[in-house]
Amino acid sequence: MRQQGHPPGNPRCRTRKELPVTTIALHLAVASVLVTRHSGSLRPLAAAKIVSQAAAGLVLVGVVGVGILLAALGAAARGLAAVLAQFVQLAARVTSALLITFIAMLVLVAALVHH
């Protein structure tokens, strides 16, 4: 019986796992050249347009990232301001309590001295 398909020495009869990386890379390079040639991207103006669109996309991603970072920093600053405001209120309460205690002690000492 004769085998059907490719002869054993032919690289096409290998499975995907058996293909060397260089062969896969070569196939990818050929496919990308054929696709770019088919789409007309090999013209300099079209290539420049693709590069500028990619750069614009990267700039947009950067701007969005900076915006998200600034929003997070703003939220953190608002939270810190709220905590500091509560700390100042607590310090004012403690100071007023200490001042009232000091005045009460002065009145008590003055009353004991005059007796």
Protein backbone atom coordinates (compact mmCIF):
# COMPACT_ATOMS: atom_id res chain seq x y z
CA MET A 1 0.00 0.00 0.00
CA ARG A 2 1.16 3.39 -0.86
CA GLN A 3 1.04 6.28 1.64
CA GLN A 4 -1.21 9.16 0.86
CA GLY A 5 -0.09 12.77 1.42
CA HIS A 6 3.42 14.14 1.54
CA PRO A 7 6.56 12.04 1.58
CA PRO A 8 8.21 11.70 5.02
CA GLY A 9 11.15 13.98 4.15
CA ASN A 10 8.83 16.85 3.26
CA PRO A 11 8.58 19.47 6.04
CA ARG A 12 4.87 19.96 5.26
CA CYS A 13 4.04 16.57 6.74
CA ARG A 14 5.30 17.64 10.18
CA THR A 15 2.86 18.64 12.86
CA ARG A 16 2.83 22.13 14.32
CA LYS A 17 4.81 21.00 17.33
CA GLU A 18 7.57 19.63 15.10
CA LEU A 19 8.04 22.81 13.05
CA PRO A 20 11.23 24.69 13.91
CA VAL A 21 10.88 28.26 15.13
CA THR A 22 12.78 29.57 12.11
CA THR A 23 10.27 27.95 9.76
CA ILE A 24 7.36 29.44 11.69
CA ALA A 25 9.06 32.84 11.71
CA LEU A 26 9.66 32.56 7.97
CA HIS A 27 6.00 31.69 7.37
CA LEU A 28 4.89 34.64 9.50
CA ALA A 29 7.22 37.01 7.67
CA VAL A 30 5.99 35.83 4.26
CA ALA A 31 2.36 36.10 5.38
CA SER A 32 2.85 39.62 6.73
CA VAL A 33 4.56 40.74 3.50
CA LEU A 34 1.74 39.28 1.45
CA VAL A 35 -0.88 40.95 3.62
CA THR A 36 0.83 44.33 3.52
CA ARG A 37 1.35 44.04 -0.22
CA HIS A 38 -2.31 43.12 -0.65
CA SER A 39 -3.55 46.01 1.49
CA GLY A 40 -1.32 48.52 -0.25
CA SER A 41 0.58 49.33 2.93
CA LEU A 42 3.99 49.14 1.25
CA ARG A 43 3.52 52.60 -0.19
CA PRO A 44 5.46 55.15 1.87
CA LEU A 45 2.45 57.37 2.54
CA ALA A 46 0.32 54.47 3.73
CA ALA A 47 3.16 53.20 5.94
CA ALA A 48 3.62 56.68 7.40
CA LYS A 49 -0.11 56.87 8.02
CA ILE A 50 -0.07 53.55 9.87
CA VAL A 51 2.89 54.66 11.98
CA SER A 52 1.24 57.99 12.80
CA GLN A 53 -2.00 56.23 13.73
CA ALA A 54 -0.08 53.87 16.01
CA ALA A 55 1.75 56.80 17.57
CA ALA A 56 -1.52 58.64 18.08
CA GLY A 57 -2.95 55.55 19.74
CA LEU A 58 0.03 55.34 22.07
CA VAL A 59 -0.28 59.02 22.91
CA LEU A 60 -3.97 58.54 23.65
CA VAL A 61 -3.18 55.58 25.92
CA GLY A 62 -0.56 57.71 27.69
CA VAL A 63 -2.96 60.62 28.15
CA VAL A 64 -5.65 58.31 29.52
CA GLY A 65 -3.09 56.72 31.86
CA VAL A 66 -1.96 60.12 33.15
CA GLY A 67 -5.61 61.13 33.60
CA ILE A 68 -6.32 58.00 35.64
CA LEU A 69 -3.19 58.63 37.72
CA LEU A 70 -4.21 62.23 38.39
CA ALA A 71 -7.74 61.17 39.32
CA ALA A 72 -6.33 58.62 41.77
CA LEU A 73 -3.98 61.22 43.24
CA GLY A 74 -6.88 63.67 43.56
CA ALA A 75 -8.99 61.09 45.38
CA ALA A 76 -6.08 60.31 47.69
CA ALA A 77 -5.52 64.03 48.36
CA ARG A 78 -9.22 64.50 49.19
CA GLY A 79 -9.07 61.54 51.57
CA LEU A 80 -5.92 62.92 53.21
CA ALA A 81 -7.52 66.34 53.56
CA ALA A 82 -10.56 64.78 55.23
CA VAL A 83 -8.36 62.87 57.69
CA LEU A 84 -6.35 66.00 58.46
CA ALA A 85 -9.55 67.99 59.02
CA GLN A 86 -10.76 65.38 61.50
CA PHE A 87 -7.36 65.46 63.21
CA VAL A 88 -7.54 69.24 63.57
CA GLN A 89 -11.06 68.96 65.03
CA LEU A 90 -9.84 66.33 67.50
CA ALA A 91 -6.87 68.52 68.46
CA ALA A 92 -9.22 71.48 69.04
CA ARG A 93 -11.46 69.37 71.28
CA VAL A 94 -8.51 68.06 73.28
CA THR A 95 -7.09 71.59 73.64
CA SER A 96 -10.40 72.99 74.82
CA ALA A 97 -10.80 70.12 77.32
CA LEU A 98 -7.28 70.73 78.65
CA LEU A 99 -7.93 74.48 78.89
CA ILE A 100 -11.19 73.92 80.78
CA THR A 101 -9.43 71.47 83.13
CA PHE A 102 -6.60 73.98 83.73
CA ILE A 103 -9.07 76.79 84.50
CA ALA A 104 -11.02 74.52 86.88
CA MET A 105 -7.79 73.62 88.70
CA LEU A 106 -6.85 77.33 89.01
CA VAL A 107 -10.25 78.12 90.48
CA LEU A 108 -9.95 75.18 92.89
CA VAL A 109 -6.43 76.22 93.99
CA ALA A 110 -7.57 79.84 94.46
CA ALA A 111 -10.51 78.66 96.56
CA LEU A 112 -8.25 76.50 98.75
CA VAL A 113 -5.71 79.31 99.20
CA HIS A 114 -8.35 81.77 100.42
CA HIS A 115 -9.72 79.40 103.08
